[in-house]
Structures are given as C-alpha cells and as structure tokens.
Amino acid sequence: MSSSRIQEPQNSYNPYNTRQPDNHGRFVPSSNNAWSRNGAQYEMKPLDPAYNGQGNFHRFVSSIRGSKKNKTCFFIGLFIFILILGGAIAAAAILIPKSRKDKTIHYETDADGYIVWNKDPSLVRSFYGIGYTSESSQYPYCGLTQEEVIEDVKILSQLTHRIRLYGMDCHQAEYTLEAVRRLKADTKVTLTIWVDDNDVTYKRQYDEFFRLLQKYGTNYIDAVSVGNEMLFREEVTRAKLYQYIADVRSKVQSLGYNIPVSTTELGTNYNAELLSKVDVGMANIHPYFGGTTAENAANWTFTYLEEEVKINAKQGQDVIISEVGWPTEGASEKSAVASVKNQQRFMNDFVCEANRRGVKYYWFEALDLKWKTKTWTVLEGHWGMFDEKKKAKITLPNCPLE
C-alpha cells in the first residue's frame, strides 16, 4: 500500500469575460406560466471618479488639513474603514472554495496507483443510469474538488454503470472521469457540451470535451450530448443545433473514436427530424410536469416514450430517457405532488419495471442541490434521491442490472 497525491488543476477561467449561465438544464415557471431562466451578466466597473487619480486624492487629503475637527472625523472614519476591511477579508477567507485552499488530496493506493476503498454491500446496481451534478460546479463560481467527486462516484458507481453529466466547466467532467479511473469503478460517463446563445460558452466546452476525449478515450466516455434543452429555451435554432451535432460527430470520427453523438431535449421536441440528426435519441420525460399522479406516473412515462418519441425514431434507432424522476419538495403541478412518499412510489413502480422491459433511462437525479434552490425554486433543488448531506431520502430499489 502507498499514499497517493492528486494535484487539482488550477482554474484559469476569467469570470468577467462574458455572460455565462449554469451548466444544468433545469428551469422554473415564471408568473405567466412560461418557462424561463435568467443568465448572469458580469461587468467590471471603474472606481468612483472622486478617487480616480492621484491629484483628486491629494485634494481630498488637503481638505481635511488645518481643522482639528476634520482631522478627528478623518481618523474616526479611517478606523471604521479598517474594521470593515478586516471583516471583509475574514469573510472571504471563510467563504473561499476549498479547492482554492487545499490543492493536494491524499488517498491510500495499491501498487498500480488505484485508490483502495471498501464497497457498501447494501448498495445495488439497479439503475440503468443516473444524472449527476454537484455543488460548486457552476461557472464562474467554481469550488468543486476532486475529493468531493471521488466520494460521490464511490456511491454512484455502486448504483449504476452509467453517469450522465451536464457540462464541462469547473473540472466537473475531468474530476468525474478521473474518479472513475482511479476507483476502477466499471462505470462510464455521458458528457454534455453545454450549448446556449453564447458562442464563447460553446467553444470553451467544445475544446474541453475533445481534450478529455483524447485523454480518457472510450474506456470511460460512453457518449456525448451536444447541449441540453436549448431548443426548449429557444437559445439556438434547429439549424444551428444540427450544425453543432454534425461538427462534433465529424471531429470525433476524425480522431478515430466511435461514440454516440446526440442531444438531450424535451420529449415534445424530439420529432422525426431531430431524431434523424442524432445517433441515439435522448429525451427528457417527466411525468411530474405532465401533471399526473405518482400512482400513474410509471404507466404515463412508458406510454409517452412509445407513443410520442419512439414512434418518430429511425428503424433500429435507440431512444433513451435522458431524464426521469420525481421531486420531494416544491410546488405541485396539477395532480403531481412533490413529496418523499411520492418519489418512493414512482421509483418503486418505474425502475425495476423499466429494467424488465429493457427501457434505457437516466434517473434524475443523484443529489439535492442548494444552488438550484437559491437560483430558482425549492422544487428545482429537490429532485435528488440523496439529500444535500448525501443521505438517502428513500429506500433504493433492488433489481440488479449486470
């Protein structure tokens, strides 16, 4: 046995270069019942003109000279300013992401450098796939660590052979692939090149995907999705999306790799034209947003998949449910009620039956996420089968897929 150190790569992204949305395709209803998401604009502003230049500052200092009262007020103000500045520095030291403070992580390893770890006998690989996003993985607020991802992959790799990610930023893709490799996890990853209305976002994610494809290869990468729900968000045209898909497929093949290239989109948008552009259909199908009850949700999902999506597929083409799940908190959607009890009911009815039928799916999702609740709503942050502390909220299924 030996001790191994994992050195985390430095994040060189500039948070002020352009507007960048999150890496995840979840949305909340606006007041007019349309779906919307607000991006964030980052702008650097100049200093107050009153202090913009040495001459102005000197005139300010000169104005307080010659008056004892002014001098007293000046020093009191200076003292208060120092106290405020000290408090701000202390707060920053507390809030700074762990990954920026601790760059080296230690694990016990075997002679070949793989991490030595003990599996949990209570966990069963019953899921075809699971969607995974972590905290502190939203650009530009990157704070994710390799250690956090390793601990998450330890759990997920005992529940499924497939993990689906939603973007490339903040090292989340690299950390996940590296965790799978170091753990010898027998799990593959479907990556996503996030697409929105900003070409800078696409170029950054595109470049990172191909860097990781050449680094890890198809032993660890199962497929790639070019975007997630961007037609639904109306951030790109169908023509531009089709161009992106064709470009990614062409470059994947030119590098000598053979993995499916697709896009994840709402089932309602997966018509015959879109299916003709992808290798594998990947449709997000949510009975909750269909407004059905938890008791009817499994049947609703199987029917929707067959009658609304697969009917449009090319002969022999695979269609995967790229998202399916049930929230445990938040606003109701017609007859659909968010609760732990209803998530348990839907999981009980759907997972093992889907396995029996040979339906391929990614359960949405692994973890509850505080950043989603803060950004959008309670509903959006509570789809996980594990809570924010990584504790299971429900009893997990026991119908092994091997």
Protein backbone atom coordinates (compact mmCIF):
# COMPACT_ATOMS: atom_id res chain seq x y z
CA MET A 1 0.00 0.00 0.00
CA SER A 2 1.15 3.55 -0.63
CA SER A 3 -0.04 7.12 -0.29
CA SER A 4 -1.04 8.90 -3.48
CA ARG A 5 -1.49 12.60 -4.03
CA ILE A 6 -3.93 14.06 -6.51
CA GLN A 7 -2.97 17.55 -7.63
CA GLU A 8 -6.00 19.56 -8.68
CA PRO A 9 -5.63 21.66 -11.84
CA GLN A 10 -5.76 25.41 -11.41
CA ASN A 11 -8.91 27.05 -12.74
CA SER A 12 -7.79 29.71 -15.19
CA TYR A 13 -11.24 30.87 -16.27
CA ASN A 14 -11.90 34.61 -16.23
CA PRO A 15 -15.34 35.24 -14.70
CA TYR A 16 -15.52 38.71 -16.22
CA ASN A 17 -15.09 37.85 -19.88
CA THR A 18 -18.72 37.21 -20.81
CA ARG A 19 -22.14 36.22 -19.56
CA GLN A 20 -22.15 32.53 -18.63
CA PRO A 21 -25.22 30.60 -17.46
CA ASP A 22 -25.19 27.48 -15.31
CA ASN A 23 -24.29 24.09 -16.74
CA HIS A 24 -27.59 22.48 -16.00
CA GLY A 25 -30.84 22.46 -17.97
CA ARG A 26 -33.42 22.85 -15.23
CA PHE A 27 -35.94 25.69 -15.33
CA VAL A 28 -38.72 27.21 -13.27
CA PRO A 29 -42.12 28.62 -14.25
CA SER A 30 -42.40 32.38 -14.47
CA SER A 31 -45.50 34.29 -13.39
CA ASN A 32 -47.15 33.84 -16.80
CA ASN A 33 -46.60 30.05 -16.69
CA ALA A 34 -43.95 30.19 -19.41
CA TRP A 35 -40.61 28.61 -18.64
CA SER A 36 -37.68 30.94 -18.20
CA ARG A 37 -34.16 31.27 -16.83
CA ASN A 38 -32.17 34.42 -16.20
CA GLY A 39 -28.48 34.47 -17.08
CA ALA A 40 -25.96 36.49 -15.11
CA GLN A 41 -24.02 39.45 -16.51
CA TYR A 42 -20.63 40.15 -15.02
CA GLU A 43 -19.21 43.61 -15.56
CA MET A 44 -16.13 45.31 -14.13
CA LYS A 45 -16.84 48.96 -13.19
CA PRO A 46 -14.26 51.78 -12.76
CA LEU A 47 -13.56 53.28 -9.38
CA ASP A 48 -15.51 56.30 -8.14
CA PRO A 49 -14.28 59.31 -10.16
CA ALA A 50 -13.76 61.22 -6.89
CA TYR A 51 -10.78 58.98 -6.20
CA ASN A 52 -9.75 58.21 -9.78
CA GLY A 53 -6.31 59.80 -9.91
CA GLN A 54 -3.60 60.93 -7.55
CA GLY A 55 -4.47 64.62 -7.89
CA ASN A 56 -8.07 64.16 -6.75
CA PHE A 57 -6.98 62.07 -3.77
CA HIS A 58 -4.41 64.69 -2.72
CA ARG A 59 -7.06 67.42 -2.92
CA PHE A 60 -9.27 65.30 -0.66
CA VAL A 61 -6.47 64.90 1.91
CA SER A 62 -5.64 68.60 1.74
CA SER A 63 -9.25 69.50 2.51
CA ILE A 64 -9.02 67.95 5.97
CA ARG A 65 -5.84 69.81 6.95
CA GLY A 66 -5.99 72.90 9.14
CA SER A 67 -9.04 71.74 11.10
CA LYS A 68 -8.82 69.72 14.31
CA LYS A 69 -12.45 68.70 13.93
CA ASN A 70 -11.87 67.49 10.39
CA LYS A 71 -8.78 65.57 11.47
CA THR A 72 -10.72 63.85 14.23
CA CYS A 73 -13.50 62.89 11.84
CA PHE A 74 -10.95 61.66 9.32
CA PHE A 75 -9.23 59.32 11.77
CA ILE A 76 -12.54 58.00 13.11
CA GLY A 77 -13.65 57.29 9.56
CA LEU A 78 -10.30 55.65 8.78
CA PHE A 79 -10.64 53.41 11.85
CA ILE A 80 -14.16 52.34 10.81
CA PHE A 81 -12.94 51.65 7.28
CA ILE A 82 -10.11 49.43 8.60
CA LEU A 83 -12.61 47.46 10.72
CA ILE A 84 -14.91 46.93 7.72
CA LEU A 85 -11.99 45.91 5.50
CA GLY A 86 -10.76 43.43 8.12
CA GLY A 87 -14.22 41.89 8.38
CA ALA A 88 -14.46 41.55 4.61
CA ILE A 89 -11.08 39.80 4.44
CA ALA A 90 -12.08 37.41 7.24
CA ALA A 91 -15.38 36.60 5.48
CA ALA A 92 -13.56 35.93 2.21
CA ALA A 93 -11.19 33.56 3.97
CA ILE A 94 -14.15 31.59 5.29
CA LEU A 95 -16.14 31.56 2.05
CA ILE A 96 -13.32 30.87 -0.40
CA PRO A 97 -13.86 27.46 -2.02
CA LYS A 98 -11.93 24.61 -0.51
CA SER A 99 -10.34 23.73 -3.84
CA ARG A 100 -8.58 27.09 -3.88
CA LYS A 101 -7.07 26.49 -0.44
CA ASP A 102 -6.23 22.79 -0.44
CA LYS A 103 -4.67 21.62 -3.68
CA THR A 104 -3.37 18.25 -2.54
CA ILE A 105 -5.55 15.26 -1.60
CA HIS A 106 -4.21 12.04 -0.11
CA TYR A 107 -5.60 8.52 -0.76
CA GLU A 108 -4.36 5.07 0.08
CA THR A 109 -3.49 3.33 -3.18
CA ASP A 110 -2.38 -0.04 -4.44
CA ALA A 111 0.87 -0.79 -6.28
CA ASP A 112 -0.64 0.44 -9.58
CA GLY A 113 -1.83 3.74 -8.15
CA TYR A 114 -5.54 2.92 -7.94
CA ILE A 115 -7.47 4.02 -4.86
CA VAL A 116 -8.14 1.37 -2.25
CA TRP A 117 -11.73 1.58 -0.99
CA ASN A 118 -14.44 -0.55 0.54
CA LYS A 119 -17.80 -1.03 -1.16
CA ASP A 120 -21.13 -0.79 0.65
CA PRO A 121 -22.88 -4.19 0.50
CA SER A 122 -26.28 -2.50 0.91
CA LEU A 123 -25.99 -0.71 -2.46
CA VAL A 124 -27.19 -2.49 -5.62
CA ARG A 125 -26.67 -1.54 -9.27
CA SER A 126 -30.36 -1.29 -10.10
CA PHE A 127 -30.32 1.89 -12.23
CA TYR A 128 -29.58 1.94 -15.96
CA GLY A 129 -28.06 5.41 -15.44
CA ILE A 130 -28.12 8.37 -13.05
CA GLY A 131 -27.89 12.11 -13.74
CA TYR A 132 -25.23 13.80 -11.61
CA THR A 133 -24.44 17.42 -10.82
CA SER A 134 -22.53 18.56 -7.75
CA GLU A 135 -22.43 21.69 -5.67
CA SER A 136 -19.80 24.32 -6.55
CA SER A 137 -19.70 23.27 -10.19
CA GLN A 138 -21.43 26.28 -11.74
CA TYR A 139 -19.23 28.62 -13.77
CA PRO A 140 -17.81 31.05 -12.80
CA TYR A 141 -18.32 30.10 -9.11
CA CYS A 142 -16.09 27.04 -9.30
CA GLY A 143 -15.25 25.40 -5.98
CA LEU A 144 -15.53 21.71 -6.74
CA THR A 145 -12.74 19.40 -5.54
CA GLN A 146 -11.51 16.07 -6.85
CA GLU A 147 -12.06 14.58 -3.41
CA GLU A 148 -15.76 15.53 -3.39
CA VAL A 149 -16.30 13.89 -6.76
CA ILE A 150 -14.43 10.74 -5.77
CA GLU A 151 -16.69 10.34 -2.74
CA ASP A 152 -19.80 10.86 -4.91
CA VAL A 153 -18.60 8.40 -7.57
CA LYS A 154 -17.95 5.80 -4.87
CA ILE A 155 -21.70 5.85 -4.18
CA LEU A 156 -22.98 6.28 -7.74
CA SER A 157 -20.77 3.56 -9.22
CA GLN A 158 -22.37 1.07 -6.81
CA LEU A 159 -25.84 2.04 -8.08
CA THR A 160 -25.26 2.20 -11.85
CA HIS A 161 -22.83 1.54 -14.71
CA ARG A 162 -23.59 4.95 -16.26
CA ILE A 163 -23.38 8.55 -15.05
CA ARG A 164 -24.70 11.49 -17.04
CA LEU A 165 -23.16 14.98 -16.63
CA TYR A 166 -24.50 18.36 -17.77
CA GLY A 167 -21.40 20.37 -18.65
CA MET A 168 -17.62 20.59 -18.82
CA ASP A 169 -16.87 23.63 -16.63
CA CYS A 170 -15.26 23.75 -13.19
CA HIS A 171 -13.41 20.47 -13.91
CA GLN A 172 -16.61 18.52 -13.16
CA ALA A 173 -16.16 16.30 -16.23
CA GLU A 174 -12.45 15.73 -15.68
CA TYR A 175 -12.90 15.07 -11.97
CA THR A 176 -15.66 12.53 -12.69
CA LEU A 177 -13.64 10.68 -15.33
CA GLU A 178 -10.57 10.69 -13.10
CA ALA A 179 -12.63 9.38 -10.18
CA VAL A 180 -13.95 6.53 -12.31
CA ARG A 181 -10.42 5.70 -13.45
CA ARG A 182 -8.79 5.88 -10.02
CA LEU A 183 -11.57 3.85 -8.39
CA LYS A 184 -11.61 1.23 -11.19
CA ALA A 185 -15.35 1.76 -10.99
CA ASP A 186 -16.62 -0.15 -14.06
CA THR A 187 -18.77 2.89 -14.84
CA LYS A 188 -18.92 5.06 -17.96
CA VAL A 189 -19.81 8.73 -18.30
CA THR A 190 -22.06 10.51 -20.79
CA LEU A 191 -20.67 14.02 -21.18
CA THR A 192 -22.51 17.17 -22.25
CA ILE A 193 -21.14 20.07 -24.26
CA TRP A 194 -23.31 22.84 -22.84
CA VAL A 195 -24.94 24.98 -25.54
CA ASP A 196 -26.62 28.35 -25.10
CA ASP A 197 -26.87 31.61 -27.04
CA ASN A 198 -23.22 32.47 -26.36
CA ASP A 199 -20.59 31.15 -28.77
CA VAL A 200 -17.86 31.62 -26.15
CA THR A 201 -19.58 29.07 -23.89
CA TYR A 202 -19.81 26.53 -26.69
CA LYS A 203 -16.18 26.97 -27.78
CA ARG A 204 -14.88 26.57 -24.23
CA GLN A 205 -16.92 23.44 -23.58
CA TYR A 206 -16.22 22.01 -27.05
CA ASP A 207 -12.46 22.34 -26.55
CA GLU A 208 -12.63 20.79 -23.09
CA PHE A 209 -14.65 17.83 -24.35
CA PHE A 210 -12.12 16.95 -27.04
CA ARG A 211 -9.22 17.40 -24.64
CA LEU A 212 -10.83 14.89 -22.27
CA LEU A 213 -11.83 12.52 -25.07
CA GLN A 214 -8.19 12.27 -26.12
CA LYS A 215 -7.05 11.95 -22.51
CA TYR A 216 -9.51 9.27 -21.32
CA GLY A 217 -10.86 7.69 -24.51
CA THR A 218 -13.91 5.49 -24.86
CA ASN A 219 -12.96 3.26 -21.94
CA TYR A 220 -14.50 5.91 -19.72
CA ILE A 221 -16.65 8.06 -22.04
CA ASP A 222 -19.91 6.43 -23.14
CA ALA A 223 -21.49 9.16 -25.29
CA VAL A 224 -21.71 12.92 -25.75
CA SER A 225 -24.75 15.16 -25.74
CA VAL A 226 -24.45 18.39 -27.68
CA GLY A 227 -26.48 20.65 -25.40
CA ASN A 228 -29.42 20.11 -23.09
CA GLU A 229 -32.91 21.54 -23.73
CA MET A 230 -31.65 24.53 -25.74
CA LEU A 231 -34.49 24.22 -28.27
CA PHE A 232 -36.86 24.38 -25.33
CA ARG A 233 -35.06 27.52 -24.10
CA GLU A 234 -35.06 28.88 -27.66
CA GLU A 235 -31.37 29.78 -27.35
CA VAL A 236 -30.34 28.26 -30.69
CA THR A 237 -32.15 27.45 -33.91
CA ARG A 238 -32.63 23.88 -35.04
CA ALA A 239 -30.33 24.55 -37.99
CA LYS A 240 -27.51 25.72 -35.70
CA LEU A 241 -28.02 22.76 -33.35
CA TYR A 242 -27.84 20.34 -36.29
CA GLN A 243 -24.63 22.03 -37.41
CA TYR A 244 -23.11 21.61 -33.93
CA ILE A 245 -24.09 17.92 -33.81
CA ALA A 246 -22.61 17.23 -37.27
CA ASP A 247 -19.40 19.11 -36.38
CA VAL A 248 -18.89 17.19 -33.13
CA ARG A 249 -19.59 13.84 -34.83
CA SER A 250 -17.16 14.64 -37.64
CA LYS A 251 -14.35 15.54 -35.27
CA VAL A 252 -14.99 12.51 -33.01
CA GLN A 253 -14.67 10.25 -36.05
CA SER A 254 -11.64 12.08 -37.43
CA LEU A 255 -9.84 11.37 -34.14
CA GLY A 256 -10.59 7.67 -34.54
CA TYR A 257 -13.25 7.34 -31.84
CA ASN A 258 -16.67 5.72 -32.09
CA ILE A 259 -19.18 7.03 -29.53
CA PRO A 260 -22.82 8.08 -30.00
CA VAL A 261 -23.38 11.81 -30.56
CA SER A 262 -26.77 13.11 -29.51
CA THR A 263 -28.59 15.99 -27.83
CA THR A 264 -30.87 15.90 -24.80
CA GLU A 265 -34.18 17.64 -25.32
CA LEU A 266 -37.77 17.59 -24.07
CA GLY A 267 -39.75 14.66 -25.41
CA THR A 268 -42.15 17.10 -27.07
CA ASN A 269 -39.29 18.46 -29.20
CA TYR A 270 -37.96 15.07 -30.28
CA ASN A 271 -39.64 14.85 -33.66
CA ALA A 272 -38.56 12.73 -36.63
CA GLU A 273 -36.30 15.50 -37.98
CA LEU A 274 -34.32 15.80 -34.74
CA LEU A 275 -34.05 12.03 -34.39
CA SER A 276 -32.63 11.84 -37.91
CA LYS A 277 -29.75 14.11 -36.85
CA VAL A 278 -28.58 12.11 -33.81
CA ASP A 279 -27.11 8.65 -33.36
CA VAL A 280 -29.24 7.92 -30.28
CA GLY A 281 -32.38 9.72 -29.16
CA MET A 282 -32.10 11.23 -25.66
CA ALA A 283 -35.43 12.61 -24.46
CA ASN A 284 -36.16 14.20 -21.08
CA ILE A 285 -39.52 12.78 -19.99
CA HIS A 286 -41.02 13.91 -16.69
CA PRO A 287 -44.40 12.60 -15.55
CA TYR A 288 -44.34 15.26 -12.83
CA PHE A 289 -44.52 18.06 -15.40
CA GLY A 290 -47.15 16.01 -17.20
CA GLY A 291 -49.31 16.67 -14.13
CA THR A 292 -50.11 13.03 -13.43
CA THR A 293 -50.29 11.33 -10.04
CA ALA A 294 -47.38 9.38 -8.58
CA GLU A 295 -49.56 6.25 -8.76
CA ASN A 296 -49.99 6.65 -12.52
CA ALA A 297 -46.54 8.09 -13.26
CA ALA A 298 -44.77 4.90 -14.37
CA ASN A 299 -47.50 3.95 -16.86
CA TRP A 300 -47.64 7.56 -18.08
CA THR A 301 -43.88 7.51 -18.75
CA PHE A 302 -43.84 4.21 -20.64
CA THR A 303 -46.81 5.30 -22.77
CA TYR A 304 -45.29 8.70 -23.53
CA LEU A 305 -41.98 7.15 -24.57
CA GLU A 306 -43.64 4.76 -27.03
CA GLU A 307 -46.38 7.00 -28.45
CA GLU A 308 -44.66 10.41 -28.51
CA VAL A 309 -40.95 9.73 -29.04
CA LYS A 310 -40.09 6.22 -30.26
CA ILE A 311 -42.74 6.46 -32.95
CA ASN A 312 -40.55 9.13 -34.62
CA ALA A 313 -37.31 7.12 -34.48
CA LYS A 314 -35.49 5.61 -37.44
CA GLN A 315 -35.74 1.86 -37.76
CA GLY A 316 -33.50 0.23 -35.17
CA GLN A 317 -32.58 3.55 -33.58
CA ASP A 318 -32.08 3.55 -29.81
CA VAL A 319 -34.08 6.02 -27.73
CA ILE A 320 -33.05 6.69 -24.14
CA ILE A 321 -34.96 8.59 -21.46
CA SER A 322 -32.23 11.05 -20.55
CA GLU A 323 -34.13 12.39 -17.51
CA VAL A 324 -36.91 10.85 -15.45
CA GLY A 325 -37.62 11.36 -11.76
CA TRP A 326 -39.83 12.89 -9.08
CA PRO A 327 -39.22 15.84 -6.71
CA THR A 328 -39.61 15.63 -2.93
CA GLU A 329 -40.37 19.30 -2.19
CA GLY A 330 -41.89 22.25 -4.02
CA ALA A 331 -44.97 23.42 -5.85
CA SER A 332 -47.48 20.93 -7.23
CA GLU A 333 -48.10 20.53 -10.96
CA LYS A 334 -51.81 19.74 -11.42
CA SER A 335 -52.24 16.26 -9.87
CA ALA A 336 -48.48 15.79 -9.36
CA VAL A 337 -47.43 16.43 -5.76
CA ALA A 338 -43.81 16.68 -4.64
CA SER A 339 -43.06 14.51 -1.60
CA VAL A 340 -40.69 11.82 -0.37
CA LYS A 341 -43.60 9.38 -0.33
CA ASN A 342 -44.41 10.06 -3.99
CA GLN A 343 -40.78 9.84 -5.09
CA GLN A 344 -40.62 6.46 -3.40
CA ARG A 345 -43.84 5.35 -5.10
CA PHE A 346 -42.66 6.37 -8.56
CA MET A 347 -39.23 4.82 -8.10
CA ASN A 348 -40.79 1.57 -6.88
CA ASP A 349 -43.12 1.42 -9.88
CA PHE A 350 -40.71 2.61 -12.57
CA VAL A 351 -37.11 1.41 -12.06
CA CYS A 352 -37.49 -2.35 -11.84
CA GLU A 353 -40.26 -2.40 -14.46
CA ALA A 354 -38.11 -0.34 -16.83
CA ASN A 355 -35.28 -2.80 -16.30
CA ARG A 356 -37.62 -5.70 -17.01
CA ARG A 357 -38.84 -4.05 -20.24
CA GLY A 358 -35.35 -3.12 -21.38
CA VAL A 359 -36.10 0.62 -21.25
CA LYS A 360 -32.94 2.70 -21.02
CA TYR A 361 -33.10 5.73 -18.73
CA TYR A 362 -31.12 8.13 -16.53
CA TRP A 363 -32.75 8.73 -13.16
CA PHE A 364 -32.97 12.43 -12.37
CA GLU A 365 -31.15 12.95 -10.17
CA ALA A 366 -28.49 11.88 -7.68
CA LEU A 367 -28.40 14.81 -5.22
CA ASP A 368 -30.47 17.66 -3.87
CA LEU A 369 -28.66 20.89 -4.77
CA LYS A 370 -28.69 24.09 -2.71
CA TRP A 371 -27.55 26.23 -5.64
CA LYS A 372 -30.67 25.30 -7.60
CA THR A 373 -32.95 26.28 -4.72
CA LYS A 374 -31.11 29.61 -4.34
CA THR A 375 -31.12 30.26 -8.09
CA TRP A 376 -34.66 29.14 -8.88
CA THR A 377 -37.13 27.39 -6.56
CA VAL A 378 -37.42 24.79 -3.82
CA LEU A 379 -38.84 22.41 -6.43
CA GLU A 380 -35.78 22.65 -8.68
CA GLY A 381 -33.40 21.90 -5.84
CA HIS A 382 -35.13 18.75 -4.55
CA TRP A 383 -35.08 16.03 -7.20
CA GLY A 384 -32.27 14.04 -5.62
CA MET A 385 -32.61 10.56 -4.17
CA PHE A 386 -29.92 11.74 -1.75
CA ASP A 387 -30.22 14.93 0.26
CA GLU A 388 -27.61 17.70 0.45
CA LYS A 389 -25.72 15.70 3.10
CA LYS A 390 -25.56 12.64 0.80
CA LYS A 391 -28.09 10.71 2.89
CA ALA A 392 -30.66 8.58 1.03
CA LYS A 393 -34.16 10.04 1.30
CA ILE A 394 -35.87 6.84 0.17
CA THR A 395 -35.35 3.10 0.03
CA LEU A 396 -33.36 2.33 -3.13
CA PRO A 397 -34.54 -0.44 -5.50
CA ASN A 398 -33.12 -3.94 -5.50
CA CYS A 399 -33.33 -5.31 -9.05
CA PRO A 400 -29.71 -5.64 -10.21
CA LEU A 401 -28.66 -4.77 -13.77
CA GLU A 402 -25.40 -6.52 -14.62
